[in-house]
N, C-alpha and C. Protein backbone atom coordinates (compact mmCIF):
# COMPACT_ATOMS: atom_id res chain seq x y z
N MET A 1 0.85 -1.15 0.13
CA MET A 1 0.29 -0.33 -0.21
C MET A 1 0.79 1.02 -0.42
N GLY A 2 2.23 1.39 0.19
CA GLY A 2 2.92 2.20 0.74
C GLY A 2 2.79 2.63 1.34
N THR A 3 3.04 4.22 1.97
CA THR A 3 3.18 4.54 3.08
C THR A 3 2.18 4.67 3.90
N THR A 4 1.89 4.60 5.18
CA THR A 4 0.81 4.79 6.36
C THR A 4 0.52 6.03 6.62
N ALA A 5 -0.09 6.70 7.23
CA ALA A 5 -0.44 7.39 7.73
C ALA A 5 0.52 7.91 9.23
N VAL A 6 0.64 6.87 9.70
CA VAL A 6 1.50 7.38 11.30
C VAL A 6 2.56 7.23 10.54
N GLU A 7 3.45 6.80 9.42
CA GLU A 7 4.77 6.96 8.95
C GLU A 7 4.84 8.32 8.63
N HIS A 8 3.47 8.74 7.68
CA HIS A 8 3.86 9.78 6.83
C HIS A 8 3.65 10.87 8.01
N LEU A 9 2.92 11.07 9.12
CA LEU A 9 3.64 11.51 10.13
C LEU A 9 4.88 12.06 10.84
N LEU A 10 5.35 10.89 11.13
CA LEU A 10 6.56 10.99 12.05
C LEU A 10 7.99 11.27 11.34
N ALA A 11 7.26 11.22 9.70
CA ALA A 11 8.51 11.71 9.02
C ALA A 11 8.28 13.01 8.39
N LEU A 12 7.44 13.46 8.96
CA LEU A 12 7.07 15.03 8.91
C LEU A 12 8.55 15.98 9.35
N THR A 13 8.99 16.43 8.58
CA THR A 13 10.26 17.59 9.12
C THR A 13 9.71 18.85 9.22
N PRO A 14 10.47 19.66 10.19
CA PRO A 14 9.76 21.37 10.82
C PRO A 14 10.09 22.03 9.77
N GLU A 15 10.95 21.59 8.62
CA GLU A 15 11.21 22.84 7.80
C GLU A 15 9.94 23.62 7.04
N ARG A 16 10.59 24.91 6.58
CA ARG A 16 9.01 25.93 5.75
C ARG A 16 8.44 25.10 4.86
N ARG A 17 7.07 25.23 4.81
CA ARG A 17 6.32 24.49 3.58
C ARG A 17 5.45 26.19 2.89
N PRO A 18 5.94 25.87 1.57
CA PRO A 18 5.48 27.36 1.23
C PRO A 18 3.97 26.83 0.51
N GLY A 19 3.88 26.14 0.75
CA GLY A 19 2.23 25.96 0.13
C GLY A 19 1.34 25.89 0.83
N ILE A 20 1.55 26.15 2.28
CA ILE A 20 0.99 27.04 3.40
C ILE A 20 0.29 28.35 3.63
N PRO A 21 -0.80 28.64 3.56
CA PRO A 21 -0.37 30.35 3.50
C PRO A 21 0.31 31.18 4.90
N GLU A 22 1.15 31.98 4.65
CA GLU A 22 1.85 32.74 5.32
C GLU A 22 0.35 33.13 6.88
N THR A 23 -0.81 33.22 6.37
CA THR A 23 -1.36 33.85 7.27
C THR A 23 -2.00 33.10 8.38
N LEU A 24 -1.84 31.37 7.61
CA LEU A 24 -2.95 30.54 8.40
C LEU A 24 -1.97 30.15 9.46
N ASN A 25 -2.62 30.26 10.78
CA ASN A 25 -1.96 29.50 11.87
C ASN A 25 -3.16 28.72 12.83
N GLY A 26 -2.80 27.57 13.35
CA GLY A 26 -3.77 26.99 14.26
C GLY A 26 -3.35 25.65 14.27
N THR A 27 -4.09 24.99 14.83
CA THR A 27 -4.09 23.33 15.39
C THR A 27 -5.40 22.29 14.64
N LEU A 28 -4.50 21.38 14.21
CA LEU A 28 -5.41 20.22 13.87
C LEU A 28 -5.35 19.02 14.75
N ARG A 29 -6.51 18.15 15.04
CA ARG A 29 -6.23 17.19 15.76
C ARG A 29 -6.56 16.39 14.36
N LEU A 30 -5.85 14.91 14.30
CA LEU A 30 -6.28 13.66 13.25
C LEU A 30 -6.89 13.01 14.48
N ASP A 31 -8.00 12.17 14.19
CA ASP A 31 -8.56 11.09 15.14
C ASP A 31 -8.60 10.01 14.32
N MET A 32 -7.83 9.24 14.41
CA MET A 32 -7.76 7.70 13.85
C MET A 32 -8.76 6.50 14.74
N TYR A 33 -9.36 6.19 13.96
CA TYR A 33 -10.06 4.84 14.77
C TYR A 33 -9.93 4.03 14.16
N GLN A 34 -9.70 2.97 15.27
CA GLN A 34 -9.73 1.47 14.35
C GLN A 34 -10.05 0.25 15.65
N ASP A 35 -10.90 -0.90 15.60
CA ASP A 35 -10.83 -1.92 16.48
C ASP A 35 -11.28 -1.06 17.99
N GLY A 36 -12.16 -0.19 18.30
CA GLY A 36 -12.80 0.38 19.37
C GLY A 36 -11.66 1.52 19.96
N TRP A 37 -10.79 1.51 19.51
CA TRP A 37 -9.89 2.75 19.98
C TRP A 37 -9.16 3.64 18.96
N THR A 38 -8.86 4.83 19.60
CA THR A 38 -8.67 6.22 18.96
C THR A 38 -7.29 6.77 19.56
N GLN A 39 -6.36 6.97 18.10
CA GLN A 39 -5.08 7.44 18.05
C GLN A 39 -4.97 8.76 17.57
N HIS A 40 -4.84 9.86 18.56
CA HIS A 40 -4.60 10.92 18.36
C HIS A 40 -3.35 11.56 17.57
N TRP A 41 -3.34 12.74 16.73
CA TRP A 41 -2.51 13.24 16.24
C TRP A 41 -2.80 14.62 16.47
N TYR A 42 -1.71 15.60 16.90
CA TYR A 42 -1.84 16.93 17.05
C TYR A 42 -0.79 17.86 16.34
N LEU A 43 -1.64 18.23 15.56
CA LEU A 43 -0.60 19.84 14.26
C LEU A 43 -0.49 20.68 14.93
N THR A 44 0.54 21.16 14.91
CA THR A 44 0.60 23.13 15.60
C THR A 44 1.21 23.48 14.06
N VAL A 45 0.31 24.64 13.60
CA VAL A 45 0.59 25.09 12.46
C VAL A 45 1.24 26.70 12.53
N THR A 46 2.38 27.16 12.53
CA THR A 46 2.91 28.42 12.95
C THR A 46 3.59 28.93 11.48
N ASP A 47 3.61 29.91 11.13
CA ASP A 47 4.53 30.58 9.84
C ASP A 47 4.43 29.77 9.27
N GLN A 48 4.06 28.95 8.48
CA GLN A 48 4.52 27.73 7.24
C GLN A 48 5.27 26.70 7.96
N HIS A 49 5.03 26.55 9.50
CA HIS A 49 5.84 25.18 9.76
C HIS A 49 4.79 24.62 10.56
N VAL A 50 4.68 23.37 10.42
CA VAL A 50 3.96 22.27 11.13
C VAL A 50 4.66 21.42 11.95
N GLU A 51 4.38 21.25 13.32
CA GLU A 51 4.62 20.73 14.76
C GLU A 51 4.02 19.34 15.01
N VAL A 52 4.32 18.12 14.93
CA VAL A 52 3.77 17.22 15.41
C VAL A 52 3.76 16.51 16.66
N GLY A 53 2.73 16.15 17.06
CA GLY A 53 2.66 15.72 17.76
C GLY A 53 1.01 14.45 18.27
N ARG A 54 1.13 14.11 19.73
CA ARG A 54 0.25 13.29 20.09
C ARG A 54 -0.47 13.87 21.27
N SER A 55 -1.57 14.11 20.88
CA SER A 55 -2.51 14.77 21.78
C SER A 55 -4.00 14.70 21.78
N ALA A 56 -4.98 14.52 22.68
CA ALA A 56 -6.27 14.76 22.29
C ALA A 56 -6.97 15.96 22.85
N ASP A 57 -6.33 16.88 22.86
CA ASP A 57 -6.37 17.97 23.40
C ASP A 57 -7.58 18.99 22.42
N ASP A 58 -8.39 19.70 22.50
CA ASP A 58 -9.10 20.65 21.90
C ASP A 58 -8.00 21.19 20.74
N ALA A 59 -8.66 21.20 19.48
CA ALA A 59 -8.16 21.68 18.19
C ALA A 59 -8.96 22.83 17.51
N ASP A 60 -8.36 23.64 16.52
CA ASP A 60 -9.06 24.58 15.85
C ASP A 60 -9.96 23.59 14.99
N LEU A 61 -9.24 22.56 14.51
CA LEU A 61 -9.89 21.35 13.15
C LEU A 61 -9.67 20.02 13.23
N VAL A 62 -10.56 19.69 13.61
CA VAL A 62 -10.55 18.05 14.40
C VAL A 62 -11.40 17.26 12.86
N LEU A 63 -10.49 16.52 12.29
CA LEU A 63 -10.64 15.23 11.36
C LEU A 63 -10.82 14.09 12.09
N ARG A 64 -11.58 13.24 11.55
CA ARG A 64 -12.04 11.79 11.85
C ARG A 64 -12.20 11.08 11.46
N ALA A 65 -11.53 9.66 11.10
CA ALA A 65 -12.08 8.92 10.07
C ALA A 65 -11.31 7.64 10.66
N HIS A 66 -11.54 6.53 10.12
CA HIS A 66 -11.01 5.08 10.45
C HIS A 66 -9.79 5.20 9.99
N ARG A 67 -8.94 4.61 10.57
CA ARG A 67 -7.26 4.24 10.13
C ARG A 67 -6.90 4.29 8.66
N THR A 68 -7.80 3.08 8.22
CA THR A 68 -7.66 2.93 6.90
C THR A 68 -7.56 4.10 6.01
N VAL A 69 -8.71 4.68 6.15
CA VAL A 69 -9.22 6.35 5.59
C VAL A 69 -7.71 7.12 5.20
N PHE A 70 -7.00 7.20 6.45
CA PHE A 70 -5.70 8.32 6.77
C PHE A 70 -4.45 7.59 6.02
N ASP A 71 -4.52 6.30 6.11
CA ASP A 71 -3.64 5.49 5.79
C ASP A 71 -3.71 5.64 3.87
N ARG A 72 -5.35 5.59 3.32
CA ARG A 72 -5.27 5.65 1.94
C ARG A 72 -5.18 7.18 1.76
N LEU A 73 -5.15 8.20 2.40
CA LEU A 73 -4.92 9.33 2.40
C LEU A 73 -3.22 9.44 2.09
N ALA A 74 -2.44 8.96 2.91
CA ALA A 74 -0.90 9.36 3.07
C ALA A 74 -0.39 8.48 2.21
N ALA A 75 -0.73 7.20 1.44
CA ALA A 75 -0.24 6.80 0.23
C ALA A 75 -0.55 7.12 -0.91
N GLY A 76 -1.86 8.31 -1.17
CA GLY A 76 -2.07 9.06 -2.10
C GLY A 76 -2.89 8.67 -2.89
N GLN A 77 -3.59 7.64 -2.55
CA GLN A 77 -4.82 6.47 -2.89
C GLN A 77 -6.56 7.28 -2.76
N LEU A 78 -6.57 8.39 -2.04
CA LEU A 78 -7.49 9.00 -1.68
C LEU A 78 -7.49 10.37 -1.29
N ARG A 79 -8.36 11.91 -1.86
CA ARG A 79 -8.04 12.93 -1.50
C ARG A 79 -8.85 13.38 -0.37
N ALA A 80 -8.51 14.28 0.02
CA ALA A 80 -8.92 14.25 1.28
C ALA A 80 -10.42 14.96 1.08
N PRO A 81 -11.00 15.78 0.17
CA PRO A 81 -11.96 16.41 -0.23
C PRO A 81 -12.93 15.38 -0.13
N ALA A 82 -12.47 14.48 -1.17
CA ALA A 82 -13.49 13.18 -1.86
C ALA A 82 -13.69 12.29 -0.38
N ALA A 83 -12.79 12.29 0.36
CA ALA A 83 -13.48 11.55 1.62
C ALA A 83 -14.25 11.85 2.72
N MET A 84 -14.50 13.50 2.42
CA MET A 84 -15.03 14.27 3.36
C MET A 84 -16.41 13.98 2.85
N LEU A 85 -16.82 14.11 1.41
CA LEU A 85 -17.91 14.31 0.40
C LEU A 85 -18.52 12.71 1.10
N ARG A 86 -17.64 12.02 0.57
CA ARG A 86 -18.57 10.48 1.01
C ARG A 86 -18.86 10.10 2.21
N ASN A 87 -18.29 11.12 3.03
CA ASN A 87 -18.57 10.74 4.68
C ASN A 87 -17.71 9.82 5.46
N ASP A 88 -16.83 9.69 4.56
CA ASP A 88 -15.90 8.66 5.18
C ASP A 88 -14.99 9.63 6.12
N MET A 89 -14.85 10.47 6.11
CA MET A 89 -13.97 11.31 7.16
C MET A 89 -15.08 12.71 7.73
N THR A 90 -15.17 12.71 9.20
CA THR A 90 -16.01 14.03 9.42
C THR A 90 -15.06 15.16 9.88
N VAL A 91 -15.10 16.41 9.61
CA VAL A 91 -14.09 17.47 9.76
C VAL A 91 -15.41 18.37 10.38
N GLU A 92 -14.78 19.01 11.45
CA GLU A 92 -15.29 20.02 12.42
C GLU A 92 -14.35 21.02 13.00
N GLY A 93 -14.58 22.36 12.54
CA GLY A 93 -13.82 23.69 13.61
C GLY A 93 -13.50 24.44 11.82
N ASP A 94 -12.33 24.98 12.16
CA ASP A 94 -12.01 26.14 11.22
C ASP A 94 -11.72 25.34 9.64
N MET A 95 -12.60 25.42 8.85
CA MET A 95 -12.54 24.51 7.46
C MET A 95 -11.20 25.46 6.93
N ARG A 96 -10.86 26.90 7.48
CA ARG A 96 -9.66 27.24 6.60
C ARG A 96 -8.29 26.46 6.62
N LEU A 97 -8.32 25.35 7.82
CA LEU A 97 -7.09 24.73 7.95
C LEU A 97 -7.14 23.34 7.39
N PHE A 98 -8.11 23.16 6.54
CA PHE A 98 -8.35 21.79 5.74
C PHE A 98 -7.61 22.33 4.76
N VAL A 99 -6.94 23.37 4.40
CA VAL A 99 -6.03 23.99 3.30
C VAL A 99 -4.75 22.95 3.83
N VAL A 100 -4.33 23.00 4.50
CA VAL A 100 -3.21 22.78 5.95
C VAL A 100 -3.07 21.13 5.55
N PHE A 101 -4.25 20.74 5.95
CA PHE A 101 -4.47 19.26 5.82
C PHE A 101 -4.16 18.62 4.45
N ARG A 102 -4.77 19.39 3.62
CA ARG A 102 -4.60 18.72 2.24
C ARG A 102 -3.26 18.65 1.72
N ARG A 103 -2.39 20.09 1.89
CA ARG A 103 -0.95 20.24 1.43
C ARG A 103 -0.11 18.95 2.70
N ILE A 104 -0.54 18.58 3.50
CA ILE A 104 0.44 18.00 4.24
C ILE A 104 0.50 16.34 3.78
N PHE A 105 -0.61 15.49 3.34
CA PHE A 105 -0.88 14.75 2.97
C PHE A 105 -0.71 14.61 1.06
N PRO A 106 0.12 14.17 0.54
CA PRO A 106 0.45 13.90 -1.09
C PRO A 106 -0.70 13.65 -1.73
N GLY A 107 -0.89 14.08 -2.60
CA GLY A 107 -1.91 13.78 -3.77
C GLY A 107 -1.73 12.30 -4.40
N GLN A 108 -2.17 12.01 -5.25
CA GLN A 108 -1.98 10.99 -6.28
C GLN A 108 -0.78 10.79 -6.61
N ALA A 109 0.08 9.37 -7.11
CA ALA A 109 1.13 9.45 -7.47
C ALA A 109 1.01 9.95 -8.95
N GLY A 110 2.24 10.74 -9.43
CA GLY A 110 2.05 11.43 -10.81
C GLY A 110 1.24 12.23 -11.15
N ALA A 111 0.50 12.72 -9.78
CA ALA A 111 -0.59 13.63 -10.36
C ALA A 111 -0.06 15.25 -10.82
N GLN A 112 -0.56 16.00 -11.31
CA GLN A 112 0.11 17.58 -11.69
C GLN A 112 -0.65 18.29 -11.23
N HIS A 113 -0.29 19.36 -10.94
CA HIS A 113 -1.24 20.45 -10.83
C HIS A 113 -1.88 21.08 -12.45
N PRO A 114 -2.69 21.54 -12.07
CA PRO A 114 -3.55 21.97 -13.53
C PRO A 114 -2.91 23.23 -14.03
N ARG A 115 -2.33 23.99 -13.15
CA ARG A 115 -1.34 25.09 -14.12
C ARG A 115 0.33 24.85 -14.72
N GLU A 116 0.63 23.44 -14.04
CA GLU A 116 1.60 23.11 -14.38
C GLU A 116 1.54 22.19 -15.88
N VAL A 117 0.33 21.85 -15.93
CA VAL A 117 0.26 21.44 -17.12
C VAL A 117 0.02 22.18 -18.36
N ALA A 118 -0.87 23.32 -17.82
CA ALA A 118 -1.38 24.48 -18.92
C ALA A 118 0.50 24.89 -19.15
N ARG A 119 1.11 25.20 -18.41
CA ARG A 119 2.55 25.53 -18.75
C ARG A 119 3.17 25.20 -19.52
N GLN A 120 3.20 23.66 -19.63
CA GLN A 120 4.13 22.55 -20.48
C GLN A 120 2.92 22.72 -21.65
N LEU A 121 1.93 22.82 -21.73
CA LEU A 121 1.12 22.69 -22.98
C LEU A 121 1.63 24.16 -23.72
N ALA A 122 1.59 25.19 -23.01
CA ALA A 122 2.08 26.24 -23.41
C ALA A 122 3.62 26.68 -24.20
N ALA A 123 4.74 25.62 -23.23
CA ALA A 123 5.85 25.32 -23.74
C ALA A 123 6.40 24.80 -24.91
N ASP A 124 5.46 23.75 -24.74
CA ASP A 124 5.31 22.76 -26.25
C ASP A 124 3.76 22.18 -26.50
N PRO A 125 3.16 23.14 -27.42
CA PRO A 125 1.63 22.91 -27.68
C PRO A 125 1.41 21.55 -28.29
N ALA A 126 2.66 21.37 -29.07
CA ALA A 126 2.27 19.85 -30.08
C ALA A 126 2.39 18.35 -29.20
N SER A 127 2.74 18.68 -27.76
CA SER A 127 2.75 17.98 -26.91
C SER A 127 1.38 17.14 -26.31
N GLY A 128 0.59 18.11 -26.49
CA GLY A 128 -0.76 18.03 -26.07
C GLY A 128 -1.86 17.38 -27.37
N ARG A 129 -1.39 17.42 -28.27
CA ARG A 129 -1.97 17.12 -29.35
C ARG A 129 -1.99 15.51 -29.48
N ASP A 130 -3.13 14.65 -29.84
CA ASP A 130 -3.35 13.16 -30.28
C ASP A 130 -2.52 13.05 -31.48
N GLY A 131 -1.62 12.39 -31.76
CA GLY A 131 -0.86 11.91 -33.10
C GLY A 131 -1.52 10.66 -33.21
N ASP A 132 -2.71 10.24 -33.61
CA ASP A 132 -3.23 9.27 -33.84
C ASP A 132 -4.81 10.02 -34.72
N ARG A 133 -4.85 11.35 -34.45
CA ARG A 133 -5.92 11.72 -34.99
C ARG A 133 -5.68 11.69 -36.90
């Protein structure tokens, strides 16, 4: 399956994350439940830095899902908005911090941002044409 959510969280380093808006600060709690118990992860976001710890304290945004959902998010097999819309994950609190959560967990393997694809097509328009037509 790839990396688990716990492995992903433990591997997060404290360097600056330019993908997180500079003015977005707060706390997130990830509640991963499985087999009758819940594991709590606490993320503190300050000045584009994310500190990861373990706590069940109140947070500005709480995300709750089965551990396999978080594992699929960490492996890039599931997108956070899709999990939320299908009710596989509940989200409560300051939704602005959902941006942080989406930026911490990777997207699908090989996925590209639409702007990057547009830049590539602008640089080489022939690359976007289907040669079989």
